[in-house]
Amino acid sequence: MTAPDTFETTAARLRACRICRDAPRYGPPLPQEPRPIVQGSGTARLCIASQAPGTRANRTGKPFTDPSGVRLRTWLGLDEAAFYDAARVAIVPMGSCFPGLDAKGGDRPPRRECAEQWRAALFAGLPDLELILVIGQYAQGWHLGRMPGGLTATVRDWRAILGRPGRPRVLPLPHPSWRNNGWLRREPWFEAELLPILRAEVARVMGPRD
């Protein structure tokens, strides 16, 4: 039986991918030059399963280099050095390229071609994962399947989801975008109840191995 490619090998192939521009399967081609962004290594124990890079990440080639990233790192209790340590933290978006802006100036949904082509192979190269943080509805749909009630109901059910048997464990989160400020005000349990557990779980996974 042939061993799966390493995360690093698959990520290198992904970074050269131009499917969404040159051979799109869903809708028109990507409106700008693809710049696939992914982070990780075969030793990563924490995975941030996110949505897609934004405009700043597309410019820098580095994920979460914007206010959403600042908020996410605060949620996790990680500084930039730990967050961008590819040996410990994988960042695998549903769409690895910035999808462009819609008519209202918001980010378009992640390109579906990307997850179909690359996601299974990327995760096959992450054998040491202990915790996957699924951020937003697209990642939650992929990793958890269709959940009744949408994102809010899914995140509200975080205790049951985190407590499911097997490894890696999964914890659902909303997107840390400023666009979700209203959601955070309406759902105070998120900061009061979920965030302390999130930080404790991240600290455990990022710490020395038992």
N, C-alpha and C. Protein backbone atom coordinates (compact mmCIF):
# COMPACT_ATOMS: atom_id res chain seq x y z
N MET A 1 0.84 -1.20 0.00
CA MET A 1 0.00 0.00 0.00
C MET A 1 0.88 1.25 0.00
N THR A 2 0.58 2.16 -0.88
CA THR A 2 1.36 3.38 -0.98
C THR A 2 1.00 4.35 0.14
N ALA A 3 2.01 4.89 0.82
CA ALA A 3 1.77 5.85 1.89
C ALA A 3 1.26 7.16 1.30
N PRO A 4 0.39 7.87 2.03
CA PRO A 4 -0.07 9.16 1.52
C PRO A 4 1.07 10.17 1.45
N ASP A 5 0.91 11.13 0.56
CA ASP A 5 1.90 12.20 0.48
C ASP A 5 1.96 12.94 1.81
N THR A 6 3.10 13.50 2.09
CA THR A 6 3.22 14.33 3.29
C THR A 6 2.41 15.61 3.10
N PHE A 7 2.10 16.26 4.21
CA PHE A 7 1.40 17.54 4.14
C PHE A 7 2.21 18.52 3.30
N GLU A 8 3.52 18.53 3.53
CA GLU A 8 4.37 19.49 2.83
C GLU A 8 4.35 19.26 1.32
N THR A 9 4.34 17.98 0.89
CA THR A 9 4.29 17.67 -0.53
C THR A 9 2.97 18.13 -1.15
N THR A 10 1.87 17.80 -0.46
CA THR A 10 0.55 18.21 -0.97
C THR A 10 0.42 19.72 -0.99
N ALA A 11 0.91 20.39 0.08
CA ALA A 11 0.81 21.85 0.13
C ALA A 11 1.60 22.50 -1.00
N ALA A 12 2.75 21.92 -1.35
CA ALA A 12 3.54 22.47 -2.46
C ALA A 12 2.78 22.34 -3.78
N ARG A 13 2.11 21.22 -3.99
CA ARG A 13 1.31 21.05 -5.19
C ARG A 13 0.13 22.01 -5.19
N LEU A 14 -0.49 22.18 -4.02
CA LEU A 14 -1.62 23.11 -3.91
C LEU A 14 -1.20 24.53 -4.26
N ARG A 15 -0.03 24.94 -3.81
CA ARG A 15 0.41 26.32 -4.06
C ARG A 15 0.63 26.59 -5.54
N ALA A 16 0.79 25.53 -6.33
CA ALA A 16 0.94 25.69 -7.77
C ALA A 16 -0.38 25.51 -8.52
N CYS A 17 -1.47 25.28 -7.78
CA CYS A 17 -2.77 24.98 -8.39
C CYS A 17 -3.38 26.23 -9.04
N ARG A 18 -3.99 26.03 -10.21
CA ARG A 18 -4.68 27.12 -10.91
C ARG A 18 -6.05 26.66 -11.40
N ILE A 19 -6.63 25.64 -10.76
CA ILE A 19 -7.89 25.08 -11.22
C ILE A 19 -8.98 26.14 -11.29
N CYS A 20 -9.12 26.95 -10.24
CA CYS A 20 -10.24 27.89 -10.19
C CYS A 20 -10.13 28.99 -11.23
N ARG A 21 -8.95 29.19 -11.78
CA ARG A 21 -8.81 30.18 -12.85
C ARG A 21 -8.85 29.52 -14.23
N ASP A 22 -8.13 28.39 -14.38
CA ASP A 22 -7.94 27.80 -15.70
C ASP A 22 -8.95 26.71 -16.06
N ALA A 23 -9.53 26.06 -15.05
CA ALA A 23 -10.48 24.98 -15.32
C ALA A 23 -11.58 24.97 -14.26
N PRO A 24 -12.29 26.09 -14.12
CA PRO A 24 -13.30 26.17 -13.05
C PRO A 24 -14.44 25.18 -13.26
N ARG A 25 -14.87 24.56 -12.18
CA ARG A 25 -15.97 23.61 -12.24
C ARG A 25 -17.29 24.25 -11.80
N TYR A 26 -17.19 25.34 -11.07
CA TYR A 26 -18.39 25.97 -10.50
C TYR A 26 -18.33 27.47 -10.76
N GLY A 27 -19.09 27.93 -11.71
CA GLY A 27 -19.16 29.35 -11.96
C GLY A 27 -18.00 29.87 -12.78
N PRO A 28 -17.90 31.20 -12.87
CA PRO A 28 -16.86 31.82 -13.70
C PRO A 28 -15.48 31.63 -13.09
N PRO A 29 -14.43 31.86 -13.86
CA PRO A 29 -13.07 31.72 -13.33
C PRO A 29 -12.79 32.72 -12.21
N LEU A 30 -11.83 32.38 -11.38
CA LEU A 30 -11.37 33.31 -10.35
C LEU A 30 -10.98 34.63 -11.00
N PRO A 31 -11.42 35.77 -10.48
CA PRO A 31 -11.21 37.03 -11.19
C PRO A 31 -9.82 37.63 -11.04
N GLN A 32 -8.92 36.97 -10.31
CA GLN A 32 -7.56 37.47 -10.17
C GLN A 32 -6.59 36.28 -10.17
N GLU A 33 -5.31 36.60 -10.21
CA GLU A 33 -4.30 35.55 -10.18
C GLU A 33 -4.42 34.74 -8.89
N PRO A 34 -4.53 33.41 -8.99
CA PRO A 34 -4.61 32.60 -7.77
C PRO A 34 -3.35 32.74 -6.93
N ARG A 35 -3.55 32.75 -5.61
CA ARG A 35 -2.42 32.74 -4.68
C ARG A 35 -2.81 31.82 -3.52
N PRO A 36 -2.71 30.51 -3.70
CA PRO A 36 -3.13 29.57 -2.65
C PRO A 36 -2.31 29.76 -1.38
N ILE A 37 -3.02 29.81 -0.25
CA ILE A 37 -2.39 30.03 1.05
C ILE A 37 -2.78 28.89 1.98
N VAL A 38 -1.78 28.24 2.55
CA VAL A 38 -2.01 27.15 3.48
C VAL A 38 -0.79 27.07 4.39
N GLN A 39 -1.00 26.59 5.61
CA GLN A 39 0.10 26.47 6.59
C GLN A 39 0.01 25.12 7.27
N GLY A 40 1.17 24.56 7.60
CA GLY A 40 1.15 23.34 8.39
C GLY A 40 2.34 22.45 8.13
N SER A 41 2.38 21.34 8.85
CA SER A 41 3.38 20.30 8.65
C SER A 41 2.82 19.02 9.24
N GLY A 42 3.49 17.91 8.98
CA GLY A 42 3.02 16.63 9.46
C GLY A 42 3.03 16.48 10.97
N THR A 43 3.67 17.40 11.68
CA THR A 43 3.72 17.34 13.14
C THR A 43 2.66 18.20 13.81
N ALA A 44 1.86 18.94 13.05
CA ALA A 44 0.86 19.85 13.64
C ALA A 44 -0.16 19.07 14.46
N ARG A 45 -0.50 19.62 15.60
CA ARG A 45 -1.49 19.00 16.49
C ARG A 45 -2.79 19.79 16.56
N LEU A 46 -2.73 21.05 16.13
CA LEU A 46 -3.90 21.93 16.09
C LEU A 46 -4.14 22.34 14.65
N CYS A 47 -5.40 22.27 14.20
CA CYS A 47 -5.73 22.73 12.86
C CYS A 47 -6.83 23.78 12.94
N ILE A 48 -6.62 24.88 12.25
CA ILE A 48 -7.63 25.91 12.09
C ILE A 48 -8.23 25.71 10.70
N ALA A 49 -9.44 25.18 10.67
CA ALA A 49 -10.15 24.93 9.41
C ALA A 49 -11.00 26.17 9.13
N SER A 50 -10.51 27.03 8.27
CA SER A 50 -11.12 28.34 8.09
C SER A 50 -11.87 28.41 6.77
N GLN A 51 -12.23 29.63 6.38
CA GLN A 51 -13.07 29.83 5.20
C GLN A 51 -12.25 30.05 3.95
N ALA A 52 -11.63 31.21 3.79
CA ALA A 52 -10.79 31.52 2.64
C ALA A 52 -9.99 32.77 3.00
N PRO A 53 -8.81 32.96 2.41
CA PRO A 53 -8.04 34.17 2.68
C PRO A 53 -8.80 35.42 2.28
N GLY A 54 -8.58 36.50 3.02
CA GLY A 54 -9.15 37.79 2.67
C GLY A 54 -8.19 38.61 1.84
N THR A 55 -8.53 39.88 1.65
CA THR A 55 -7.73 40.73 0.78
C THR A 55 -6.31 40.94 1.32
N ARG A 56 -6.18 41.13 2.63
CA ARG A 56 -4.84 41.36 3.19
C ARG A 56 -4.00 40.10 3.12
N ALA A 57 -4.60 38.96 3.45
CA ALA A 57 -3.86 37.70 3.34
C ALA A 57 -3.43 37.46 1.90
N ASN A 58 -4.28 37.82 0.95
CA ASN A 58 -3.93 37.64 -0.46
C ASN A 58 -2.73 38.50 -0.84
N ARG A 59 -2.64 39.69 -0.26
CA ARG A 59 -1.49 40.56 -0.55
C ARG A 59 -0.21 40.03 0.08
N THR A 60 -0.31 39.54 1.31
CA THR A 60 0.89 39.15 2.05
C THR A 60 1.29 37.69 1.84
N GLY A 61 0.34 36.85 1.42
CA GLY A 61 0.61 35.43 1.32
C GLY A 61 0.62 34.72 2.65
N LYS A 62 0.06 35.36 3.69
CA LYS A 62 0.08 34.82 5.04
C LYS A 62 -1.34 34.87 5.60
N PRO A 63 -1.85 33.78 6.18
CA PRO A 63 -3.25 33.77 6.63
C PRO A 63 -3.49 34.65 7.85
N PHE A 64 -4.68 35.20 7.91
CA PHE A 64 -5.17 35.94 9.08
C PHE A 64 -4.27 37.13 9.44
N THR A 65 -3.80 37.86 8.44
CA THR A 65 -3.03 39.08 8.70
C THR A 65 -3.97 40.28 8.62
N ASP A 66 -4.96 40.29 9.50
CA ASP A 66 -5.97 41.34 9.50
C ASP A 66 -6.63 41.37 10.87
N PRO A 67 -7.56 42.29 11.13
CA PRO A 67 -8.21 42.32 12.44
C PRO A 67 -8.89 41.01 12.83
N SER A 68 -9.38 40.25 11.84
CA SER A 68 -9.96 38.95 12.18
C SER A 68 -8.91 38.04 12.81
N GLY A 69 -7.70 38.10 12.29
CA GLY A 69 -6.63 37.30 12.86
C GLY A 69 -6.27 37.72 14.27
N VAL A 70 -6.28 39.02 14.51
CA VAL A 70 -6.01 39.52 15.88
C VAL A 70 -7.06 38.97 16.84
N ARG A 71 -8.33 39.06 16.44
CA ARG A 71 -9.40 38.55 17.30
C ARG A 71 -9.26 37.04 17.49
N LEU A 72 -8.98 36.31 16.41
CA LEU A 72 -8.86 34.86 16.53
C LEU A 72 -7.73 34.48 17.48
N ARG A 73 -6.60 35.14 17.38
CA ARG A 73 -5.48 34.83 18.28
C ARG A 73 -5.84 35.15 19.73
N THR A 74 -6.63 36.20 19.93
CA THR A 74 -7.11 36.51 21.29
C THR A 74 -8.03 35.40 21.78
N TRP A 75 -8.93 34.94 20.94
CA TRP A 75 -9.80 33.83 21.33
C TRP A 75 -8.99 32.61 21.74
N LEU A 76 -7.93 32.32 20.99
CA LEU A 76 -7.15 31.11 21.22
C LEU A 76 -6.14 31.26 22.35
N GLY A 77 -5.81 32.49 22.71
CA GLY A 77 -4.78 32.72 23.71
C GLY A 77 -3.38 32.47 23.16
N LEU A 78 -3.18 32.74 21.87
CA LEU A 78 -1.88 32.52 21.22
C LEU A 78 -1.30 33.84 20.74
N ASP A 79 0.03 33.98 20.85
CA ASP A 79 0.68 35.12 20.24
C ASP A 79 1.00 34.76 18.78
N GLU A 80 1.53 35.73 18.04
CA GLU A 80 1.78 35.50 16.62
C GLU A 80 2.80 34.40 16.39
N ALA A 81 3.84 34.34 17.22
CA ALA A 81 4.87 33.32 17.03
C ALA A 81 4.29 31.92 17.12
N ALA A 82 3.43 31.68 18.11
CA ALA A 82 2.82 30.36 18.25
C ALA A 82 1.81 30.10 17.14
N PHE A 83 1.02 31.10 16.80
CA PHE A 83 -0.02 30.94 15.79
C PHE A 83 0.57 30.58 14.43
N TYR A 84 1.71 31.17 14.10
CA TYR A 84 2.32 30.92 12.80
C TYR A 84 3.42 29.86 12.85
N ASP A 85 3.45 29.08 13.91
CA ASP A 85 4.40 27.97 14.02
C ASP A 85 3.83 26.78 13.26
N ALA A 86 4.27 26.58 12.03
CA ALA A 86 3.70 25.53 11.17
C ALA A 86 3.97 24.13 11.70
N ALA A 87 4.96 23.97 12.56
CA ALA A 87 5.22 22.66 13.14
C ALA A 87 4.14 22.25 14.13
N ARG A 88 3.40 23.23 14.65
CA ARG A 88 2.37 22.94 15.65
C ARG A 88 0.96 23.29 15.19
N VAL A 89 0.84 24.27 14.30
CA VAL A 89 -0.48 24.77 13.88
C VAL A 89 -0.63 24.67 12.37
N ALA A 90 -1.65 23.94 11.94
CA ALA A 90 -2.01 23.91 10.52
C ALA A 90 -3.18 24.88 10.31
N ILE A 91 -3.15 25.61 9.23
CA ILE A 91 -4.26 26.48 8.83
C ILE A 91 -4.68 26.04 7.44
N VAL A 92 -5.86 25.43 7.35
CA VAL A 92 -6.31 24.81 6.11
C VAL A 92 -7.69 25.39 5.76
N PRO A 93 -7.73 26.42 4.92
CA PRO A 93 -9.02 27.02 4.57
C PRO A 93 -9.81 26.14 3.61
N MET A 94 -11.11 26.35 3.56
CA MET A 94 -11.95 25.62 2.62
C MET A 94 -11.59 25.98 1.19
N GLY A 95 -11.26 27.23 0.95
CA GLY A 95 -10.74 27.68 -0.33
C GLY A 95 -9.42 28.37 -0.07
N SER A 96 -8.36 27.92 -0.71
CA SER A 96 -7.02 28.43 -0.38
C SER A 96 -6.68 29.75 -1.05
N CYS A 97 -7.50 30.18 -2.02
CA CYS A 97 -7.27 31.46 -2.69
C CYS A 97 -8.34 32.47 -2.27
N PHE A 98 -7.97 33.72 -2.25
CA PHE A 98 -8.94 34.79 -2.06
C PHE A 98 -9.99 34.69 -3.16
N PRO A 99 -11.29 34.56 -2.81
CA PRO A 99 -12.31 34.29 -3.83
C PRO A 99 -12.81 35.52 -4.57
N GLY A 100 -12.33 36.70 -4.20
CA GLY A 100 -12.83 37.92 -4.82
C GLY A 100 -13.98 38.51 -4.02
N LEU A 101 -14.42 39.70 -4.44
CA LEU A 101 -15.47 40.42 -3.73
C LEU A 101 -16.79 40.33 -4.48
N ASP A 102 -17.89 40.33 -3.71
CA ASP A 102 -19.20 40.34 -4.33
C ASP A 102 -19.64 41.78 -4.59
N ALA A 103 -20.86 41.95 -5.07
CA ALA A 103 -21.36 43.28 -5.46
C ALA A 103 -21.45 44.24 -4.28
N LYS A 104 -21.56 43.70 -3.05
CA LYS A 104 -21.67 44.55 -1.86
C LYS A 104 -20.32 44.79 -1.19
N GLY A 105 -19.25 44.28 -1.78
CA GLY A 105 -17.91 44.49 -1.22
C GLY A 105 -17.49 43.46 -0.21
N GLY A 106 -18.30 42.43 -0.01
CA GLY A 106 -17.93 41.35 0.89
C GLY A 106 -17.20 40.24 0.15
N ASP A 107 -16.53 39.38 0.88
CA ASP A 107 -15.82 38.26 0.25
C ASP A 107 -16.83 37.26 -0.32
N ARG A 108 -16.54 36.75 -1.49
CA ARG A 108 -17.34 35.68 -2.05
C ARG A 108 -17.11 34.38 -1.27
N PRO A 109 -17.98 33.39 -1.41
CA PRO A 109 -17.76 32.10 -0.75
C PRO A 109 -16.48 31.44 -1.25
N PRO A 110 -15.91 30.55 -0.47
CA PRO A 110 -14.73 29.81 -0.94
C PRO A 110 -15.04 29.04 -2.22
N ARG A 111 -14.06 28.95 -3.10
CA ARG A 111 -14.24 28.18 -4.32
C ARG A 111 -14.38 26.70 -3.98
N ARG A 112 -15.42 26.07 -4.50
CA ARG A 112 -15.70 24.67 -4.18
C ARG A 112 -14.65 23.72 -4.77
N GLU A 113 -14.03 24.13 -5.88
CA GLU A 113 -13.03 23.27 -6.49
C GLU A 113 -11.90 22.92 -5.53
N CYS A 114 -11.54 23.88 -4.68
CA CYS A 114 -10.36 23.73 -3.84
C CYS A 114 -10.53 22.58 -2.84
N ALA A 115 -11.62 22.59 -2.10
CA ALA A 115 -11.83 21.54 -1.11
C ALA A 115 -11.95 20.17 -1.77
N GLU A 116 -12.67 20.11 -2.89
CA GLU A 116 -12.83 18.83 -3.58
C GLU A 116 -11.50 18.27 -4.05
N GLN A 117 -10.61 19.14 -4.49
CA GLN A 117 -9.34 18.69 -5.06
C GLN A 117 -8.30 18.38 -4.00
N TRP A 118 -8.26 19.15 -2.90
CA TRP A 118 -7.10 19.12 -2.03
C TRP A 118 -7.35 18.73 -0.58
N ARG A 119 -8.56 18.87 -0.09
CA ARG A 119 -8.76 18.80 1.36
C ARG A 119 -8.45 17.42 1.94
N ALA A 120 -8.93 16.36 1.31
CA ALA A 120 -8.68 15.02 1.84
C ALA A 120 -7.18 14.72 1.88
N ALA A 121 -6.46 15.11 0.84
CA ALA A 121 -5.02 14.84 0.81
C ALA A 121 -4.28 15.64 1.86
N LEU A 122 -4.68 16.89 2.08
CA LEU A 122 -4.03 17.70 3.12
C LEU A 122 -4.21 17.06 4.50
N PHE A 123 -5.44 16.65 4.82
CA PHE A 123 -5.68 16.08 6.14
C PHE A 123 -5.05 14.70 6.29
N ALA A 124 -4.88 13.97 5.18
CA ALA A 124 -4.17 12.70 5.25
C ALA A 124 -2.71 12.90 5.66
N GLY A 125 -2.18 14.09 5.43
CA GLY A 125 -0.81 14.41 5.81
C GLY A 125 -0.69 15.03 7.18
N LEU A 126 -1.76 14.98 7.98
CA LEU A 126 -1.75 15.54 9.34
C LEU A 126 -2.10 14.44 10.35
N PRO A 127 -1.24 13.44 10.52
CA PRO A 127 -1.58 12.29 11.36
C PRO A 127 -1.60 12.58 12.85
N ASP A 128 -0.97 13.67 13.29
CA ASP A 128 -0.86 13.96 14.72
C ASP A 128 -1.91 14.93 15.23
N LEU A 129 -2.87 15.30 14.39
CA LEU A 129 -3.88 16.27 14.81
C LEU A 129 -4.64 15.77 16.04
N GLU A 130 -4.82 16.69 16.99
CA GLU A 130 -5.62 16.41 18.17
C GLU A 130 -6.89 17.24 18.23
N LEU A 131 -6.87 18.43 17.59
CA LEU A 131 -8.01 19.33 17.67
C LEU A 131 -8.15 20.09 16.37
N ILE A 132 -9.36 20.10 15.82
CA ILE A 132 -9.67 20.90 14.63
C ILE A 132 -10.70 21.96 15.03
N LEU A 133 -10.37 23.21 14.80
CA LEU A 133 -11.29 24.31 15.04
C LEU A 133 -11.96 24.65 13.72
N VAL A 134 -13.26 24.40 13.62
CA VAL A 134 -13.98 24.62 12.36
C VAL A 134 -14.67 25.97 12.42
N ILE A 135 -14.19 26.89 11.60
CA ILE A 135 -14.60 28.29 11.67
C ILE A 135 -15.54 28.60 10.52
N GLY A 136 -16.78 28.94 10.85
CA GLY A 136 -17.75 29.34 9.85
C GLY A 136 -18.50 28.17 9.25
N GLN A 137 -19.56 28.49 8.52
CA GLN A 137 -20.50 27.48 8.05
C GLN A 137 -19.91 26.54 7.00
N TYR A 138 -18.99 27.03 6.17
CA TYR A 138 -18.45 26.16 5.12
C TYR A 138 -17.57 25.06 5.72
N ALA A 139 -16.70 25.42 6.63
CA ALA A 139 -15.86 24.41 7.28
C ALA A 139 -16.71 23.48 8.15
N GLN A 140 -17.71 24.04 8.80
CA GLN A 140 -18.57 23.19 9.63
C GLN A 140 -19.34 22.19 8.79
N GLY A 141 -19.81 22.61 7.63
CA GLY A 141 -20.51 21.69 6.76
C GLY A 141 -19.62 20.56 6.28
N TRP A 142 -18.36 20.86 6.00
CA TRP A 142 -17.43 19.84 5.52
C TRP A 142 -17.08 18.84 6.62
N HIS A 143 -16.76 19.35 7.80
CA HIS A 143 -16.24 18.50 8.87
C HIS A 143 -17.33 17.87 9.73
N LEU A 144 -18.50 18.49 9.79
CA LEU A 144 -19.55 18.00 10.67
C LEU A 144 -20.78 17.51 9.92
N GLY A 145 -20.84 17.77 8.62
CA GLY A 145 -22.04 17.44 7.88
C GLY A 145 -23.09 18.51 8.10
N ARG A 146 -24.21 18.34 7.45
CA ARG A 146 -25.29 19.33 7.57
C ARG A 146 -25.89 19.26 8.97
N MET A 147 -25.84 20.39 9.68
CA MET A 147 -26.37 20.46 11.04
C MET A 147 -27.65 21.30 11.03
N PRO A 148 -28.71 20.84 11.66
CA PRO A 148 -29.96 21.62 11.69
C PRO A 148 -29.78 22.91 12.48
N GLY A 149 -30.36 23.99 11.97
CA GLY A 149 -30.31 25.24 12.70
C GLY A 149 -29.20 26.19 12.31
N GLY A 150 -28.34 25.78 11.38
CA GLY A 150 -27.30 26.67 10.91
C GLY A 150 -26.16 26.86 11.88
N LEU A 151 -25.36 27.91 11.64
CA LEU A 151 -24.14 28.14 12.40
C LEU A 151 -24.41 28.33 13.88
N THR A 152 -25.39 29.14 14.22
CA THR A 152 -25.63 29.42 15.65
C THR A 152 -25.96 28.14 16.41
N ALA A 153 -26.84 27.32 15.86
CA ALA A 153 -27.19 26.07 16.54
C ALA A 153 -25.99 25.15 16.62
N THR A 154 -25.16 25.14 15.58
CA THR A 154 -23.97 24.29 15.59
C THR A 154 -23.00 24.73 16.68
N VAL A 155 -22.72 26.01 16.75
CA VAL A 155 -21.77 26.49 17.77
C VAL A 155 -22.37 26.31 19.16
N ARG A 156 -23.68 26.50 19.31
CA ARG A 156 -24.32 26.27 20.61
C ARG A 156 -24.16 24.82 21.08
N ASP A 157 -24.02 23.91 20.13
CA ASP A 157 -23.91 22.49 20.45
C ASP A 157 -22.45 22.07 20.64
N TRP A 158 -21.58 23.02 20.94
CA TRP A 158 -20.14 22.77 20.97
C TRP A 158 -19.75 21.70 21.98
N ARG A 159 -20.45 21.62 23.11
CA ARG A 159 -20.07 20.62 24.12
C ARG A 159 -20.24 19.21 23.58
N ALA A 160 -21.38 18.95 22.94
CA ALA A 160 -21.62 17.62 22.40
C ALA A 160 -20.66 17.31 21.26
N ILE A 161 -20.37 18.31 20.43
CA ILE A 161 -19.47 18.09 19.30
C ILE A 161 -18.05 17.82 19.80
N LEU A 162 -17.59 18.61 20.75
CA LEU A 162 -16.25 18.41 21.30
C LEU A 162 -16.16 17.07 22.01
N GLY A 163 -17.25 16.60 22.59
CA GLY A 163 -17.24 15.37 23.36
C GLY A 163 -17.42 14.11 22.54
N ARG A 164 -17.56 14.24 21.23
CA ARG A 164 -17.72 13.05 20.40
C ARG A 164 -16.48 12.16 20.51
N PRO A 165 -16.64 10.84 20.46
CA PRO A 165 -15.48 9.95 20.54
C PRO A 165 -14.61 10.05 19.30
N GLY A 166 -13.36 9.67 19.47
CA GLY A 166 -12.44 9.65 18.34
C GLY A 166 -11.52 10.85 18.33
N ARG A 167 -10.51 10.79 17.52
CA ARG A 167 -9.53 11.83 17.33
C ARG A 167 -9.34 12.07 15.83
N PRO A 168 -9.09 13.33 15.45
CA PRO A 168 -9.02 14.51 16.29
C PRO A 168 -10.40 14.97 16.73
N ARG A 169 -10.46 15.68 17.87
CA ARG A 169 -11.70 16.28 18.30
C ARG A 169 -11.97 17.55 17.49
N VAL A 170 -13.22 17.95 17.46
CA VAL A 170 -13.64 19.09 16.64
C VAL A 170 -14.39 20.08 17.51
N LEU A 171 -14.11 21.36 17.32
CA LEU A 171 -14.80 22.42 18.05
C LEU A 171 -15.25 23.49 17.06
N PRO A 172 -16.56 23.78 16.97
CA PRO A 172 -17.05 24.78 16.02
C PRO A 172 -16.95 26.19 16.59
N LEU A 173 -16.62 27.13 15.71
CA LEU A 173 -16.51 28.55 16.09
C LEU A 173 -17.15 29.41 15.01
N PRO A 174 -17.63 30.61 15.38
CA PRO A 174 -18.03 31.58 14.37
C PRO A 174 -16.79 32.19 13.74
N HIS A 175 -16.97 32.88 12.62
CA HIS A 175 -15.83 33.57 12.03
C HIS A 175 -15.50 34.80 12.90
N PRO A 176 -14.21 35.09 13.10
CA PRO A 176 -13.85 36.23 13.95
C PRO A 176 -13.97 37.59 13.26
N SER A 177 -14.58 37.66 12.11
CA SER A 177 -14.71 38.91 11.37
C SER A 177 -15.51 39.95 12.16
N TRP A 178 -15.21 41.22 11.90
CA TRP A 178 -15.99 42.31 12.50
C TRP A 178 -17.46 42.24 12.08
N ARG A 179 -17.73 41.58 10.95
CA ARG A 179 -19.11 41.44 10.50
C ARG A 179 -19.94 40.62 11.48
N ASN A 180 -19.28 39.88 12.36
CA ASN A 180 -19.99 39.08 13.35
C ASN A 180 -20.08 39.75 14.71
N ASN A 181 -19.78 41.05 14.79
CA ASN A 181 -19.88 41.74 16.07
C ASN A 181 -21.29 41.66 16.65
N GLY A 182 -22.29 41.80 15.79
CA GLY A 182 -23.67 41.70 16.25
C GLY A 182 -23.98 40.33 16.79
N TRP A 183 -23.50 39.29 16.12
CA TRP A 183 -23.70 37.92 16.59
C TRP A 183 -23.09 37.74 17.98
N LEU A 184 -21.90 38.25 18.17
CA LEU A 184 -21.22 38.11 19.46
C LEU A 184 -21.98 38.82 20.57
N ARG A 185 -22.60 39.96 20.26
CA ARG A 185 -23.39 40.67 21.26
C ARG A 185 -24.66 39.89 21.60
N ARG A 186 -25.24 39.25 20.60
CA ARG A 186 -26.48 38.50 20.83
C ARG A 186 -26.26 37.16 21.51
N GLU A 187 -25.04 36.66 21.45
CA GLU A 187 -24.73 35.33 21.98
C GLU A 187 -23.64 35.43 23.05
N PRO A 188 -23.94 36.04 24.21
CA PRO A 188 -22.90 36.27 25.23
C PRO A 188 -22.33 34.98 25.80
N TRP A 189 -23.04 33.86 25.69
CA TRP A 189 -22.54 32.59 26.16
C TRP A 189 -21.25 32.19 25.46
N PHE A 190 -21.05 32.69 24.23
CA PHE A 190 -19.85 32.31 23.48
C PHE A 190 -18.59 32.73 24.25
N GLU A 191 -18.53 33.99 24.65
CA GLU A 191 -17.35 34.46 25.37
C GLU A 191 -17.33 33.96 26.81
N ALA A 192 -18.50 33.84 27.42
CA ALA A 192 -18.55 33.44 28.83
C ALA A 192 -18.29 31.95 29.04
N GLU A 193 -18.78 31.12 28.12
CA GLU A 193 -18.73 29.68 28.34
C GLU A 193 -17.76 28.95 27.41
N LEU A 194 -17.80 29.28 26.13
CA LEU A 194 -16.98 28.54 25.18
C LEU A 194 -15.53 28.97 25.18
N LEU A 195 -15.27 30.29 25.21
CA LEU A 195 -13.89 30.74 25.08
C LEU A 195 -12.96 30.21 26.16
N PRO A 196 -13.36 30.13 27.44
CA PRO A 196 -12.43 29.56 28.43
C PRO A 196 -12.05 28.11 28.11
N ILE A 197 -13.01 27.33 27.63
CA ILE A 197 -12.71 25.94 27.26
C ILE A 197 -11.82 25.91 26.03
N LEU A 198 -12.11 26.77 25.06
CA LEU A 198 -11.28 26.85 23.86
C LEU A 198 -9.83 27.13 24.23
N ARG A 199 -9.59 28.13 25.07
CA ARG A 199 -8.21 28.48 25.43
C ARG A 199 -7.53 27.34 26.19
N ALA A 200 -8.28 26.66 27.05
CA ALA A 200 -7.70 25.54 27.78
C ALA A 200 -7.34 24.39 26.84
N GLU A 201 -8.21 24.11 25.88
CA GLU A 201 -7.93 23.04 24.92
C GLU A 201 -6.73 23.39 24.04
N VAL A 202 -6.66 24.63 23.58
CA VAL A 202 -5.53 25.05 22.74
C VAL A 202 -4.24 24.98 23.55
N ALA A 203 -4.25 25.45 24.79
CA ALA A 203 -3.04 25.40 25.62
C ALA A 203 -2.57 23.95 25.81
N ARG A 204 -3.51 23.04 26.00
CA ARG A 204 -3.15 21.64 26.17
C ARG A 204 -2.51 21.08 24.91
N VAL A 205 -3.14 21.35 23.77
CA VAL A 205 -2.64 20.81 22.51
C VAL A 205 -1.29 21.42 22.15
N MET A 206 -1.10 22.69 22.45
CA MET A 206 0.14 23.38 22.10
C MET A 206 1.27 23.09 23.07
N GLY A 207 0.96 22.51 24.21
CA GLY A 207 1.96 22.25 25.22
C GLY A 207 2.78 21.01 24.93
N PRO A 208 3.66 20.63 25.85
CA PRO A 208 4.48 19.41 25.65
C PRO A 208 3.59 18.18 25.57
N ARG A 209 4.06 17.20 24.83
CA ARG A 209 3.33 15.94 24.75
C ARG A 209 3.39 15.22 26.08
N ASP A 210 2.30 14.50 26.39
CA ASP A 210 2.26 13.74 27.63
C ASP A 210 3.33 12.63 27.62
